[in-house]
N, C-alpha and C. Protein backbone atom coordinates (compact mmCIF):
# COMPACT_ATOMS: atom_id res chain seq x y z
N UNK A 1 -20.54 -56.78 -55.50
CA UNK A 1 -20.99 -57.39 -54.06
C UNK A 1 -20.77 -55.32 -52.87
N UNK A 2 -21.87 -55.28 -52.49
CA UNK A 2 -21.61 -53.80 -52.15
C UNK A 2 -21.16 -53.24 -50.87
N UNK A 3 -20.72 -52.52 -50.23
CA UNK A 3 -20.11 -52.32 -49.76
C UNK A 3 -20.96 -52.98 -47.91
N UNK A 4 -22.14 -52.86 -48.04
CA UNK A 4 -22.44 -53.68 -47.01
C UNK A 4 -21.86 -54.67 -46.54
N UNK A 5 -22.80 -55.45 -47.96
CA UNK A 5 -22.21 -56.80 -48.04
C UNK A 5 -20.57 -57.34 -47.57
N UNK A 6 -20.16 -56.32 -47.99
CA UNK A 6 -18.39 -56.55 -48.32
C UNK A 6 -18.07 -56.55 -46.24
N UNK A 7 -18.56 -55.53 -45.64
CA UNK A 7 -18.55 -55.52 -44.24
C UNK A 7 -18.98 -56.58 -43.83
N UNK A 8 -20.16 -57.19 -44.19
CA UNK A 8 -20.58 -58.11 -43.46
C UNK A 8 -19.49 -59.91 -43.85
N UNK A 9 -19.53 -59.54 -44.65
CA UNK A 9 -18.18 -61.05 -45.37
C UNK A 9 -17.24 -60.82 -43.98
N UNK A 10 -16.52 -59.60 -44.66
CA UNK A 10 -15.59 -59.47 -43.75
C UNK A 10 -15.85 -60.57 -42.65
N UNK A 11 -16.86 -59.54 -41.33
CA UNK A 11 -16.70 -60.07 -39.93
C UNK A 11 -17.24 -61.48 -39.90
N UNK A 12 -17.61 -62.08 -41.48
CA UNK A 12 -18.58 -63.25 -41.11
C UNK A 12 -16.64 -64.60 -41.03
N UNK A 13 -15.95 -63.94 -42.36
CA UNK A 13 -14.61 -64.47 -42.64
C UNK A 13 -13.64 -64.29 -40.75
N UNK A 14 -13.73 -63.14 -40.76
CA UNK A 14 -13.23 -62.70 -39.23
C UNK A 14 -13.46 -64.02 -38.39
N UNK A 15 -14.48 -64.27 -38.37
CA UNK A 15 -15.11 -64.66 -36.90
C UNK A 15 -14.78 -65.99 -36.99
N UNK A 16 -14.42 -66.98 -38.31
CA UNK A 16 -14.96 -68.34 -38.73
C UNK A 16 -12.99 -68.20 -38.93
N UNK A 17 -12.48 -67.44 -38.51
CA UNK A 17 -10.79 -67.50 -39.78
C UNK A 17 -10.15 -66.92 -38.09
N UNK A 18 -10.45 -66.39 -37.69
CA UNK A 18 -9.81 -65.53 -36.55
C UNK A 18 -8.22 -64.49 -36.81
N UNK A 19 -8.08 -64.82 -38.07
CA UNK A 19 -7.57 -63.96 -39.14
C UNK A 19 -7.95 -63.22 -40.75
N UNK A 20 -7.75 -62.67 -41.11
CA UNK A 20 -8.55 -62.10 -42.03
C UNK A 20 -7.40 -61.94 -43.07
N UNK A 21 -7.09 -62.52 -44.13
CA UNK A 21 -6.10 -61.23 -45.53
C UNK A 21 -6.56 -61.30 -46.78
N UNK A 22 -6.17 -60.27 -46.73
CA UNK A 22 -6.36 -60.26 -48.40
C UNK A 22 -5.26 -59.64 -48.89
N UNK A 23 -5.26 -59.06 -50.16
CA UNK A 23 -5.21 -57.81 -50.87
C UNK A 23 -5.09 -56.65 -50.12
N UNK A 24 -6.60 -56.36 -49.07
CA UNK A 24 -6.87 -55.15 -48.66
C UNK A 24 -6.84 -55.30 -46.90
N UNK A 25 -4.86 -54.57 -46.61
CA UNK A 25 -4.95 -54.26 -45.49
C UNK A 25 -5.76 -53.25 -44.59
N UNK A 26 -5.74 -53.35 -43.30
CA UNK A 26 -6.81 -52.55 -42.70
C UNK A 26 -6.35 -51.02 -41.93
N UNK A 27 -7.31 -50.44 -41.71
CA UNK A 27 -6.24 -49.09 -40.86
C UNK A 27 -7.27 -48.48 -39.40
N UNK A 28 -7.44 -48.17 -38.88
CA UNK A 28 -8.10 -47.72 -37.74
C UNK A 28 -10.09 -46.80 -38.26
N UNK A 29 -10.17 -46.44 -39.50
CA UNK A 29 -11.21 -46.28 -40.01
C UNK A 29 -11.82 -47.26 -40.64
N UNK A 30 -11.16 -48.78 -40.94
CA UNK A 30 -11.45 -49.96 -41.32
C UNK A 30 -12.66 -50.45 -40.10
N UNK A 31 -11.72 -50.11 -38.75
CA UNK A 31 -11.64 -50.73 -37.79
C UNK A 31 -13.15 -50.20 -37.16
N UNK A 32 -13.31 -49.21 -37.14
CA UNK A 32 -14.35 -48.69 -36.43
C UNK A 32 -16.10 -48.47 -36.97
N UNK A 33 -15.93 -49.47 -37.94
CA UNK A 33 -17.24 -50.13 -39.40
C UNK A 33 -17.61 -50.79 -37.85
N UNK A 34 -16.48 -51.88 -37.41
CA UNK A 34 -17.00 -52.97 -37.12
C UNK A 34 -17.11 -52.77 -35.53
N UNK A 35 -17.19 -51.69 -35.03
CA UNK A 35 -17.09 -51.42 -33.50
C UNK A 35 -18.18 -52.17 -32.95
N UNK A 36 -19.24 -51.81 -33.38
CA UNK A 36 -20.51 -52.54 -32.57
C UNK A 36 -21.10 -53.44 -33.06
N UNK A 37 -20.19 -54.87 -33.79
CA UNK A 37 -20.41 -55.79 -33.86
C UNK A 37 -20.11 -57.01 -32.22
N UNK A 38 -21.04 -58.19 -32.63
CA UNK A 38 -20.67 -58.46 -31.05
C UNK A 38 -19.53 -58.98 -30.65
N UNK A 39 -18.59 -58.93 -31.92
CA UNK A 39 -16.86 -59.82 -31.53
C UNK A 39 -16.35 -57.82 -31.71
N UNK A 40 -15.10 -58.71 -30.89
CA UNK A 40 -13.79 -57.35 -31.17
C UNK A 40 -12.63 -57.69 -31.92
N UNK A 41 -11.97 -56.85 -32.19
CA UNK A 41 -11.31 -57.34 -33.44
C UNK A 41 -9.40 -56.60 -32.43
N UNK A 42 -8.39 -57.18 -33.57
CA UNK A 42 -7.27 -56.00 -33.47
C UNK A 42 -6.65 -55.64 -34.92
N UNK A 43 -5.38 -54.95 -35.34
CA UNK A 43 -4.79 -54.77 -36.69
C UNK A 43 -3.70 -55.07 -35.99
N UNK A 44 -3.45 -55.73 -36.78
CA UNK A 44 -1.55 -55.27 -36.79
C UNK A 44 -0.86 -55.45 -37.96
N UNK A 45 -0.37 -54.31 -38.17
CA UNK A 45 0.31 -53.88 -39.49
C UNK A 45 -1.06 -54.58 -40.88
N UNK A 46 -2.36 -53.82 -40.47
CA UNK A 46 -3.00 -53.53 -41.02
C UNK A 46 -3.82 -54.98 -41.88
N UNK A 47 -3.49 -55.92 -40.39
CA UNK A 47 -4.06 -57.50 -40.76
C UNK A 47 -5.29 -57.57 -39.29
N UNK A 48 -6.15 -58.17 -39.62
CA UNK A 48 -7.01 -57.73 -38.80
C UNK A 48 -7.40 -59.49 -38.02
N UNK A 49 -7.31 -59.09 -36.43
CA UNK A 49 -7.49 -60.37 -35.81
C UNK A 49 -9.14 -60.17 -35.07
N UNK A 50 -9.55 -61.51 -35.29
CA UNK A 50 -10.47 -61.68 -33.97
C UNK A 50 -9.86 -61.91 -32.10
N UNK A 51 -10.63 -60.86 -31.14
CA UNK A 51 -10.56 -61.29 -30.25
C UNK A 51 -10.96 -61.89 -29.42
N UNK A 52 -11.16 -63.65 -29.33
CA UNK A 52 -12.19 -64.75 -28.54
C UNK A 52 -12.66 -63.96 -27.40
N UNK A 53 -14.25 -64.19 -27.14
CA UNK A 53 -14.31 -64.08 -25.40
C UNK A 53 -13.95 -64.91 -24.74
N UNK A 54 -13.35 -64.01 -23.64
CA UNK A 54 -12.59 -64.09 -22.06
C UNK A 54 -13.42 -65.34 -21.42
N UNK A 55 -12.53 -66.02 -20.99
CA UNK A 55 -12.87 -67.11 -20.16
C UNK A 55 -13.64 -66.18 -18.65
N UNK A 56 -14.49 -67.09 -17.94
CA UNK A 56 -14.22 -66.90 -16.36
C UNK A 56 -13.25 -66.15 -15.88
N UNK A 57 -11.87 -67.16 -15.68
CA UNK A 57 -10.89 -67.36 -15.28
C UNK A 57 -10.05 -66.10 -15.45
N UNK A 58 -10.13 -65.47 -17.07
CA UNK A 58 -9.35 -64.23 -17.54
C UNK A 58 -10.33 -63.17 -17.25
N UNK A 59 -10.86 -62.85 -16.81
CA UNK A 59 -12.28 -61.96 -16.91
C UNK A 59 -11.84 -61.28 -14.63
N UNK A 60 -11.94 -62.96 -13.88
CA UNK A 60 -12.02 -62.31 -13.14
C UNK A 60 -9.75 -61.25 -12.90
N UNK A 61 -8.93 -62.00 -13.63
CA UNK A 61 -7.40 -61.57 -13.19
C UNK A 61 -7.78 -60.06 -14.17
N UNK A 62 -8.49 -60.34 -15.03
CA UNK A 62 -8.44 -59.08 -15.29
C UNK A 62 -9.17 -57.79 -14.02
N UNK A 63 -10.60 -58.31 -14.20
CA UNK A 63 -11.07 -56.95 -12.99
C UNK A 63 -9.88 -57.06 -11.77
N UNK A 64 -9.23 -57.96 -11.04
CA UNK A 64 -8.76 -58.14 -9.83
C UNK A 64 -7.23 -57.20 -10.34
N UNK A 65 -7.38 -56.96 -11.38
CA UNK A 65 -5.74 -56.32 -11.74
C UNK A 65 -5.87 -54.77 -11.95
N UNK A 66 -7.17 -54.49 -12.64
CA UNK A 66 -7.79 -53.32 -12.73
C UNK A 66 -8.57 -52.74 -11.53
N UNK A 67 -8.61 -53.53 -10.77
CA UNK A 67 -9.12 -52.44 -8.65
C UNK A 67 -7.69 -52.77 -8.46
N UNK A 68 -7.16 -53.50 -8.52
CA UNK A 68 -5.51 -52.89 -7.98
C UNK A 68 -5.13 -51.56 -8.19
N UNK A 69 -4.46 -51.80 -9.95
CA UNK A 69 -4.45 -50.31 -10.84
C UNK A 69 -5.11 -49.27 -10.09
N UNK A 70 -6.25 -49.47 -10.23
CA UNK A 70 -7.25 -48.75 -10.31
C UNK A 70 -7.08 -47.38 -8.84
N UNK A 71 -7.37 -48.34 -7.45
CA UNK A 71 -6.68 -48.26 -5.87
C UNK A 71 -5.78 -47.21 -6.09
N UNK A 72 -4.68 -47.39 -6.32
CA UNK A 72 -3.12 -47.04 -6.26
C UNK A 72 -3.65 -45.80 -7.61
N UNK A 73 -3.75 -45.59 -8.66
CA UNK A 73 -3.70 -44.85 -9.79
C UNK A 73 -4.59 -43.45 -9.19
N UNK A 74 -5.79 -43.58 -8.13
CA UNK A 74 -7.13 -42.64 -8.04
C UNK A 74 -6.24 -40.91 -7.11
N UNK A 75 -6.59 -40.35 -7.94
CA UNK A 75 -6.30 -39.11 -7.47
C UNK A 75 -4.62 -39.19 -8.35
N UNK A 76 -4.34 -39.54 -8.71
CA UNK A 76 -2.71 -39.74 -9.80
C UNK A 76 -2.82 -38.63 -10.92
N UNK A 77 -1.70 -38.67 -11.75
CA UNK A 77 -2.18 -38.08 -12.72
C UNK A 77 -2.50 -38.74 -14.29
N UNK A 78 -1.72 -40.81 -13.70
CA UNK A 78 -1.48 -41.64 -14.51
C UNK A 78 -3.10 -42.07 -14.33
N UNK A 79 -3.97 -42.88 -15.68
CA UNK A 79 -4.99 -43.69 -15.65
C UNK A 79 -5.00 -44.85 -16.05
N UNK A 80 -5.95 -45.49 -15.70
CA UNK A 80 -5.96 -47.34 -15.80
C UNK A 80 -7.29 -47.45 -16.62
N UNK A 81 -7.37 -47.79 -18.28
CA UNK A 81 -8.66 -48.32 -18.82
C UNK A 81 -8.42 -49.64 -19.33
N UNK A 82 -9.48 -49.98 -20.11
CA UNK A 82 -9.79 -51.93 -19.42
C UNK A 82 -10.32 -52.11 -21.09
N UNK A 83 -11.07 -53.20 -21.48
CA UNK A 83 -11.04 -52.55 -22.93
C UNK A 83 -12.61 -52.98 -23.06
N UNK A 84 -13.41 -52.73 -24.10
CA UNK A 84 -13.67 -51.91 -25.26
C UNK A 84 -12.69 -50.66 -24.71
N UNK A 85 -11.56 -50.70 -25.33
CA UNK A 85 -10.87 -49.56 -25.84
C UNK A 85 -9.72 -49.76 -26.89
N UNK A 86 -9.75 -49.12 -27.76
CA UNK A 86 -8.82 -49.33 -29.08
C UNK A 86 -7.06 -48.39 -28.44
N UNK A 87 -6.35 -49.12 -28.82
CA UNK A 87 -4.71 -47.91 -28.98
C UNK A 87 -4.39 -47.48 -29.84
N UNK A 88 -4.24 -46.50 -30.86
CA UNK A 88 -3.61 -46.42 -32.15
C UNK A 88 -1.88 -46.61 -31.66
N UNK A 89 -1.35 -48.12 -32.18
CA UNK A 89 0.27 -47.93 -31.30
C UNK A 89 1.50 -47.07 -32.25
N UNK A 90 0.61 -46.51 -33.53
CA UNK A 90 1.70 -45.98 -34.27
C UNK A 90 1.27 -43.99 -33.86
N UNK A 91 0.12 -44.04 -33.79
CA UNK A 91 -0.34 -42.59 -32.75
C UNK A 91 -0.33 -41.79 -34.91
N UNK A 92 -1.00 -42.92 -35.60
CA UNK A 92 -1.71 -42.38 -37.06
C UNK A 92 -2.78 -41.89 -37.04
N UNK A 93 -3.85 -41.92 -35.65
CA UNK A 93 -5.42 -41.22 -35.79
C UNK A 93 -5.90 -42.85 -36.44
N UNK A 94 -6.71 -41.85 -37.33
CA UNK A 94 -7.43 -42.99 -38.23
C UNK A 94 -6.97 -43.60 -39.08
N UNK A 95 -5.52 -43.58 -39.75
CA UNK A 95 -4.87 -43.71 -40.45
C UNK A 95 -3.78 -45.17 -40.10
N UNK A 96 -4.09 -45.19 -38.53
CA UNK A 96 -2.94 -46.20 -38.68
C UNK A 96 -3.44 -47.61 -38.53
N UNK A 97 -2.66 -48.52 -38.78
CA UNK A 97 -2.92 -50.17 -39.24
C UNK A 97 -2.20 -51.19 -37.78
N UNK A 98 -1.81 -50.62 -36.95
CA UNK A 98 -1.93 -51.28 -35.57
C UNK A 98 -3.07 -50.80 -34.69
N UNK A 99 -3.68 -51.31 -34.39
CA UNK A 99 -4.59 -50.92 -32.99
C UNK A 99 -5.16 -52.15 -32.40
N UNK A 100 -4.77 -52.08 -31.54
CA UNK A 100 -4.69 -52.83 -30.38
C UNK A 100 -6.12 -52.56 -29.44
N UNK A 101 -5.86 -53.61 -28.23
CA UNK A 101 -6.97 -53.52 -27.01
C UNK A 101 -6.50 -54.11 -25.90
N UNK A 102 -5.66 -53.65 -25.86
CA UNK A 102 -4.82 -54.57 -24.68
C UNK A 102 -6.14 -54.28 -23.42
N UNK A 103 -5.48 -55.72 -22.83
CA UNK A 103 -6.48 -55.71 -21.06
C UNK A 103 -6.56 -54.75 -20.06
N UNK A 104 -5.37 -54.44 -20.19
CA UNK A 104 -5.48 -53.26 -19.61
C UNK A 104 -4.12 -51.80 -20.12
N UNK A 105 -4.63 -51.02 -20.01
CA UNK A 105 -3.58 -50.42 -20.58
C UNK A 105 -3.09 -48.97 -18.84
N UNK A 106 -1.63 -48.04 -18.53
CA UNK A 106 -1.92 -47.13 -18.02
C UNK A 106 -1.26 -45.99 -19.13
N UNK A 107 -2.21 -44.93 -18.80
CA UNK A 107 -1.40 -44.23 -19.83
C UNK A 107 -1.23 -42.77 -18.80
N UNK A 108 0.02 -42.55 -18.48
CA UNK A 108 -0.05 -41.11 -18.49
C UNK A 108 0.00 -39.20 -19.45
N UNK A 109 0.61 -39.73 -20.31
CA UNK A 109 -0.11 -38.71 -21.40
C UNK A 109 -1.28 -38.06 -21.31
N UNK A 110 -1.70 -37.28 -21.02
CA UNK A 110 -3.32 -37.47 -21.31
C UNK A 110 -3.56 -36.86 -23.01
N UNK A 111 -2.24 -36.03 -23.12
CA UNK A 111 -3.18 -35.82 -24.60
C UNK A 111 -2.53 -37.35 -25.48
N UNK A 112 -2.96 -38.11 -25.26
CA UNK A 112 -2.89 -39.06 -26.10
C UNK A 112 -4.38 -39.42 -26.08
N UNK A 113 -4.92 -38.93 -25.07
CA UNK A 113 -6.14 -40.16 -25.09
C UNK A 113 -7.62 -39.00 -25.65
N UNK A 114 -8.46 -40.02 -26.36
CA UNK A 114 -9.57 -38.94 -27.61
C UNK A 114 -10.68 -40.03 -26.38
N UNK A 115 -12.04 -39.44 -26.84
CA UNK A 115 -13.05 -39.69 -26.43
C UNK A 115 -12.95 -42.26 -26.45
N UNK A 116 -13.02 -42.60 -27.50
CA UNK A 116 -12.91 -43.86 -28.09
C UNK A 116 -11.64 -44.82 -28.32
N UNK A 117 -10.67 -44.04 -28.28
CA UNK A 117 -8.94 -44.67 -28.67
C UNK A 117 -8.02 -43.80 -27.60
N UNK A 118 -6.84 -44.83 -27.76
CA UNK A 118 -5.61 -43.72 -27.44
C UNK A 118 -5.02 -43.72 -28.51
N UNK A 119 -4.01 -42.58 -28.70
CA UNK A 119 -3.35 -41.98 -29.41
C UNK A 119 -1.95 -42.21 -29.91
N UNK A 120 -1.45 -43.46 -29.55
CA UNK A 120 0.06 -43.23 -29.07
C UNK A 120 0.62 -44.67 -28.42
N UNK A 121 1.43 -44.54 -28.03
CA UNK A 121 1.56 -45.77 -27.32
C UNK A 121 1.02 -46.03 -25.71
N UNK A 122 0.77 -46.77 -25.09
CA UNK A 122 0.63 -46.14 -23.47
C UNK A 122 1.51 -46.50 -22.52
N UNK A 123 1.53 -46.38 -21.31
CA UNK A 123 2.61 -46.27 -20.51
C UNK A 123 3.24 -47.71 -20.39
N UNK A 124 1.83 -48.27 -19.99
CA UNK A 124 2.01 -49.63 -19.33
C UNK A 124 1.43 -50.25 -20.42
N UNK A 125 1.36 -51.86 -20.41
CA UNK A 125 0.29 -52.68 -21.50
C UNK A 125 0.21 -54.18 -20.20
N UNK A 126 -1.12 -54.50 -20.00
CA UNK A 126 -0.79 -55.43 -19.57
C UNK A 126 -2.03 -56.68 -20.89
N UNK A 127 -1.50 -58.02 -21.09
CA UNK A 127 -2.20 -58.93 -21.75
C UNK A 127 -2.49 -60.08 -20.68
N UNK A 128 -2.96 -60.38 -20.50
CA UNK A 128 -3.77 -62.24 -20.23
C UNK A 128 -4.09 -62.87 -21.05
N UNK A 129 -2.89 -64.14 -21.21
CA UNK A 129 -3.19 -65.08 -21.86
C UNK A 129 -4.22 -66.07 -22.27
N UNK A 130 -4.76 -66.39 -23.42
CA UNK A 130 -5.39 -67.41 -23.99
C UNK A 130 -4.64 -67.77 -24.91
N UNK A 131 -5.79 -69.02 -25.50
CA UNK A 131 -5.52 -69.87 -26.22
C UNK A 131 -5.21 -69.88 -28.01
N UNK A 132 -5.71 -68.67 -27.78
CA UNK A 132 -5.85 -68.17 -29.25
C UNK A 132 -5.13 -67.02 -29.36
N UNK A 133 -5.13 -66.11 -28.21
CA UNK A 133 -3.96 -65.07 -28.56
C UNK A 133 -3.12 -65.24 -28.21
N UNK A 134 -1.71 -66.71 -27.41
CA UNK A 134 -0.76 -66.12 -26.13
C UNK A 134 0.61 -66.11 -27.91
N UNK A 135 0.06 -66.72 -28.73
CA UNK A 135 1.48 -66.47 -29.89
C UNK A 135 1.65 -65.13 -30.23
N UNK A 136 0.66 -64.26 -30.50
CA UNK A 136 0.31 -62.91 -30.43
C UNK A 136 0.78 -62.45 -30.08
N UNK A 137 0.52 -62.65 -28.28
CA UNK A 137 0.48 -61.57 -27.28
C UNK A 137 2.34 -61.64 -26.94
N UNK A 138 2.87 -62.87 -27.53
CA UNK A 138 4.26 -63.21 -27.08
C UNK A 138 4.98 -62.48 -27.61
N UNK A 139 5.03 -62.53 -29.09
CA UNK A 139 5.35 -62.27 -30.26
C UNK A 139 5.15 -61.21 -31.20
N UNK A 140 4.28 -61.16 -31.32
CA UNK A 140 3.72 -59.95 -32.93
C UNK A 140 3.71 -59.07 -31.75
N UNK A 141 2.89 -58.61 -30.75
CA UNK A 141 2.39 -57.54 -29.78
C UNK A 141 3.46 -57.26 -28.83
N UNK A 142 4.49 -58.19 -28.84
CA UNK A 142 5.20 -57.89 -28.15
C UNK A 142 7.10 -57.24 -28.41
N UNK A 143 7.14 -56.90 -29.61
CA UNK A 143 7.77 -56.76 -31.14
C UNK A 143 7.02 -55.09 -30.46
N UNK A 144 5.68 -55.39 -31.18
CA UNK A 144 4.97 -53.97 -31.48
C UNK A 144 4.68 -53.03 -30.43
N UNK A 145 5.36 -53.65 -29.57
CA UNK A 145 4.84 -52.90 -27.82
C UNK A 145 6.64 -52.27 -27.94
N UNK A 146 7.48 -52.88 -27.70
CA UNK A 146 8.29 -52.55 -27.95
C UNK A 146 9.28 -51.84 -28.85
N UNK A 147 9.06 -51.64 -30.43
CA UNK A 147 9.20 -50.83 -31.11
C UNK A 147 8.67 -49.39 -31.30
N UNK A 148 7.34 -50.00 -30.39
CA UNK A 148 6.22 -48.29 -29.93
C UNK A 148 7.01 -47.20 -28.53
N UNK A 149 7.75 -48.22 -28.24
CA UNK A 149 7.70 -48.07 -27.08
C UNK A 149 7.57 -47.57 -25.93
N UNK A 150 6.37 -48.75 -25.67
CA UNK A 150 5.23 -49.12 -24.26
C UNK A 150 6.63 -49.06 -23.41
N UNK A 151 6.39 -48.24 -22.53
CA UNK A 151 7.37 -48.32 -21.48
C UNK A 151 7.82 -49.77 -19.88
N UNK A 152 6.43 -50.52 -20.06
CA UNK A 152 6.58 -51.48 -19.54
C UNK A 152 5.24 -52.64 -20.14
N UNK A 153 5.82 -53.49 -20.20
CA UNK A 153 4.47 -55.13 -20.45
C UNK A 153 4.90 -56.20 -19.54
N UNK A 154 3.41 -56.47 -19.34
CA UNK A 154 3.56 -57.44 -19.06
C UNK A 154 2.23 -58.39 -19.33
N UNK A 155 2.60 -59.87 -19.24
CA UNK A 155 2.46 -61.44 -19.64
C UNK A 155 1.53 -62.11 -19.37
N UNK A 156 1.07 -61.70 -18.70
CA UNK A 156 0.29 -62.75 -17.50
C UNK A 156 -0.60 -64.12 -18.10
N UNK A 157 0.51 -65.17 -17.46
CA UNK A 157 -0.25 -66.35 -18.02
C UNK A 157 -1.51 -67.41 -16.98
N UNK A 158 -2.18 -67.41 -17.30
CA UNK A 158 -4.10 -67.57 -15.65
C UNK A 158 -3.36 -68.99 -16.04
N UNK A 159 -2.65 -69.49 -16.13
CA UNK A 159 -2.54 -71.17 -16.49
C UNK A 159 -1.36 -71.49 -15.67
N UNK A 160 0.05 -70.93 -15.47
CA UNK A 160 0.85 -71.45 -14.88
C UNK A 160 0.64 -70.82 -13.56
N UNK A 161 -0.03 -69.58 -13.76
CA UNK A 161 0.26 -68.86 -12.41
C UNK A 161 1.21 -67.70 -12.53
N UNK A 162 2.02 -67.20 -13.60
CA UNK A 162 3.33 -66.42 -13.49
C UNK A 162 2.89 -65.13 -14.46
N UNK A 163 4.08 -64.61 -14.03
CA UNK A 163 3.76 -63.16 -15.04
C UNK A 163 4.87 -62.97 -15.63
N UNK A 164 4.76 -62.28 -16.88
CA UNK A 164 6.28 -61.73 -17.56
C UNK A 164 6.28 -60.72 -17.65
N UNK A 165 6.93 -60.20 -17.35
CA UNK A 165 7.47 -58.33 -17.18
C UNK A 165 8.16 -58.03 -17.44
N UNK A 166 8.76 -57.28 -18.70
CA UNK A 166 9.21 -56.72 -19.77
C UNK A 166 9.87 -54.70 -19.26
N UNK A 167 10.65 -54.66 -19.58
CA UNK A 167 11.02 -53.27 -19.46
C UNK A 167 12.04 -52.64 -20.25
N UNK A 168 11.93 -51.49 -20.66
CA UNK A 168 12.11 -51.27 -21.95
C UNK A 168 13.13 -50.39 -21.33
N UNK A 169 14.36 -50.67 -21.94
CA UNK A 169 15.71 -50.37 -21.68
C UNK A 169 16.54 -50.42 -22.32
N UNK A 170 16.61 -49.05 -23.25
CA UNK A 170 17.57 -48.95 -24.90
C UNK A 170 16.89 -49.13 -25.55
N UNK A 171 15.44 -49.24 -26.07
CA UNK A 171 15.16 -49.66 -26.73
C UNK A 171 14.79 -50.96 -27.59
N UNK A 172 14.88 -51.55 -26.31
CA UNK A 172 14.87 -53.13 -26.29
C UNK A 172 14.31 -53.56 -24.43
N UNK A 173 13.02 -54.73 -24.56
CA UNK A 173 12.82 -55.03 -23.65
C UNK A 173 13.73 -56.33 -22.59
N UNK A 174 14.19 -56.04 -20.96
CA UNK A 174 15.13 -56.68 -20.17
C UNK A 174 13.71 -56.76 -19.67
N UNK A 175 13.32 -58.40 -19.37
CA UNK A 175 12.18 -59.47 -19.08
C UNK A 175 13.19 -60.15 -17.67
N UNK A 176 11.59 -60.37 -16.71
CA UNK A 176 12.00 -61.00 -15.45
C UNK A 176 10.30 -61.89 -15.10
N UNK A 177 10.38 -62.48 -14.61
CA UNK A 177 9.77 -63.72 -14.46
C UNK A 177 9.46 -63.83 -12.72
N UNK A 178 8.09 -63.79 -12.26
CA UNK A 178 6.79 -63.60 -11.20
C UNK A 178 6.69 -64.64 -11.51
N UNK A 179 6.04 -65.12 -9.91
CA UNK A 179 5.10 -66.37 -9.75
C UNK A 179 4.19 -65.74 -9.25
N UNK A 180 2.91 -66.95 -8.70
CA UNK A 180 1.42 -65.81 -7.81
C UNK A 180 2.21 -66.05 -6.94
N UNK A 181 3.03 -66.47 -5.98
CA UNK A 181 3.83 -66.04 -4.83
C UNK A 181 4.11 -64.76 -4.46
N UNK A 182 4.38 -64.07 -5.42
CA UNK A 182 5.37 -62.90 -5.79
C UNK A 182 4.78 -61.59 -5.35
N UNK A 183 5.29 -60.27 -5.24
CA UNK A 183 4.97 -58.98 -4.96
C UNK A 183 5.28 -58.30 -5.74
N UNK A 184 5.23 -57.83 -6.77
CA UNK A 184 5.36 -57.09 -8.45
C UNK A 184 5.34 -55.68 -7.93
N UNK A 185 7.17 -55.02 -8.38
CA UNK A 185 6.98 -53.67 -8.02
C UNK A 185 7.20 -52.95 -9.80
N UNK A 186 6.38 -52.13 -9.45
CA UNK A 186 5.39 -51.48 -11.45
C UNK A 186 6.90 -50.35 -11.37
N UNK A 187 7.64 -50.93 -12.24
CA UNK A 187 8.65 -49.86 -12.70
C UNK A 187 8.55 -48.74 -12.89
N UNK A 188 7.54 -48.47 -13.96
CA UNK A 188 6.57 -46.96 -14.51
C UNK A 188 6.51 -46.31 -13.22
N UNK A 189 5.77 -46.90 -12.12
CA UNK A 189 5.19 -46.47 -11.75
C UNK A 189 5.59 -46.30 -9.44
N UNK A 190 6.41 -45.59 -9.46
CA UNK A 190 7.14 -45.52 -8.21
C UNK A 190 6.21 -46.05 -6.90
N UNK A 191 6.27 -46.32 -6.44
CA UNK A 191 5.95 -46.93 -4.78
C UNK A 191 4.32 -48.18 -5.00
N UNK A 192 3.66 -48.11 -6.38
CA UNK A 192 3.07 -49.14 -6.67
C UNK A 192 3.63 -51.23 -6.92
N UNK A 193 3.03 -51.32 -6.02
CA UNK A 193 3.17 -53.16 -5.33
C UNK A 193 2.25 -53.32 -6.11
N UNK A 194 2.33 -54.87 -6.71
CA UNK A 194 0.84 -55.75 -7.79
C UNK A 194 1.27 -56.93 -6.87
N UNK A 195 0.28 -56.99 -5.77
CA UNK A 195 0.22 -58.61 -4.96
C UNK A 195 -0.46 -59.69 -6.08
N UNK A 196 0.74 -60.61 -5.84
CA UNK A 196 0.02 -61.53 -7.43
C UNK A 196 -1.07 -62.51 -7.15
N UNK A 197 -0.59 -62.55 -5.04
CA UNK A 197 -2.02 -63.43 -4.32
C UNK A 197 -3.69 -63.62 -4.23
N UNK A 198 -3.39 -61.55 -4.95
CA UNK A 198 -4.36 -61.38 -4.64
C UNK A 198 -4.71 -61.48 -6.30
N UNK A 199 -4.45 -61.42 -7.42
CA UNK A 199 -4.46 -61.29 -8.21
C UNK A 199 -5.11 -62.60 -8.93
N UNK A 200 -4.21 -63.78 -8.75
CA UNK A 200 -4.69 -65.13 -8.85
C UNK A 200 -6.21 -65.46 -7.61
N UNK A 201 -6.00 -64.56 -7.25
CA UNK A 201 -7.03 -65.30 -5.81
C UNK A 201 -8.22 -65.70 -6.95
């Protein structure tokens, strides 16, 4: 099997099974060869996962959050990004084996930003749960973000209309739950308050 056929085989396997695991583990260098495909992928410890297409509700919540953060950060040092935009979580560049595409990231250290990726942990990450990614967001990525030093991690549940806010303190996340009627202070952005009624509207 030549390299082109092998790449097509990997993509098809990923699409059908959601996860592709063989003796070969992948890095960002592999990840970028899949970049123009109709699907999006993430790597966690070298294992590739498909990111399924988001629902309409997911898209609305993502758009509302992005708009609120963009408005607050306008003309400020930190910047907000949404996918498709890769995060090399271990800051290992092309050799990074953990490459994620969160629903929203805030980056204050612009030296981490490159044309097509963030090389290192963002200051803040927001993930919006979907059936296909729930366990990954709540377990695998929770631990990866904590280990990488993401200062603030939000997990938004569209079905329950809740938000779990995780603040990094002493190398561990302290968590607090919020509802759709709450206004949430952003810990790492002084003065930033996110009204969840606007987000879930």
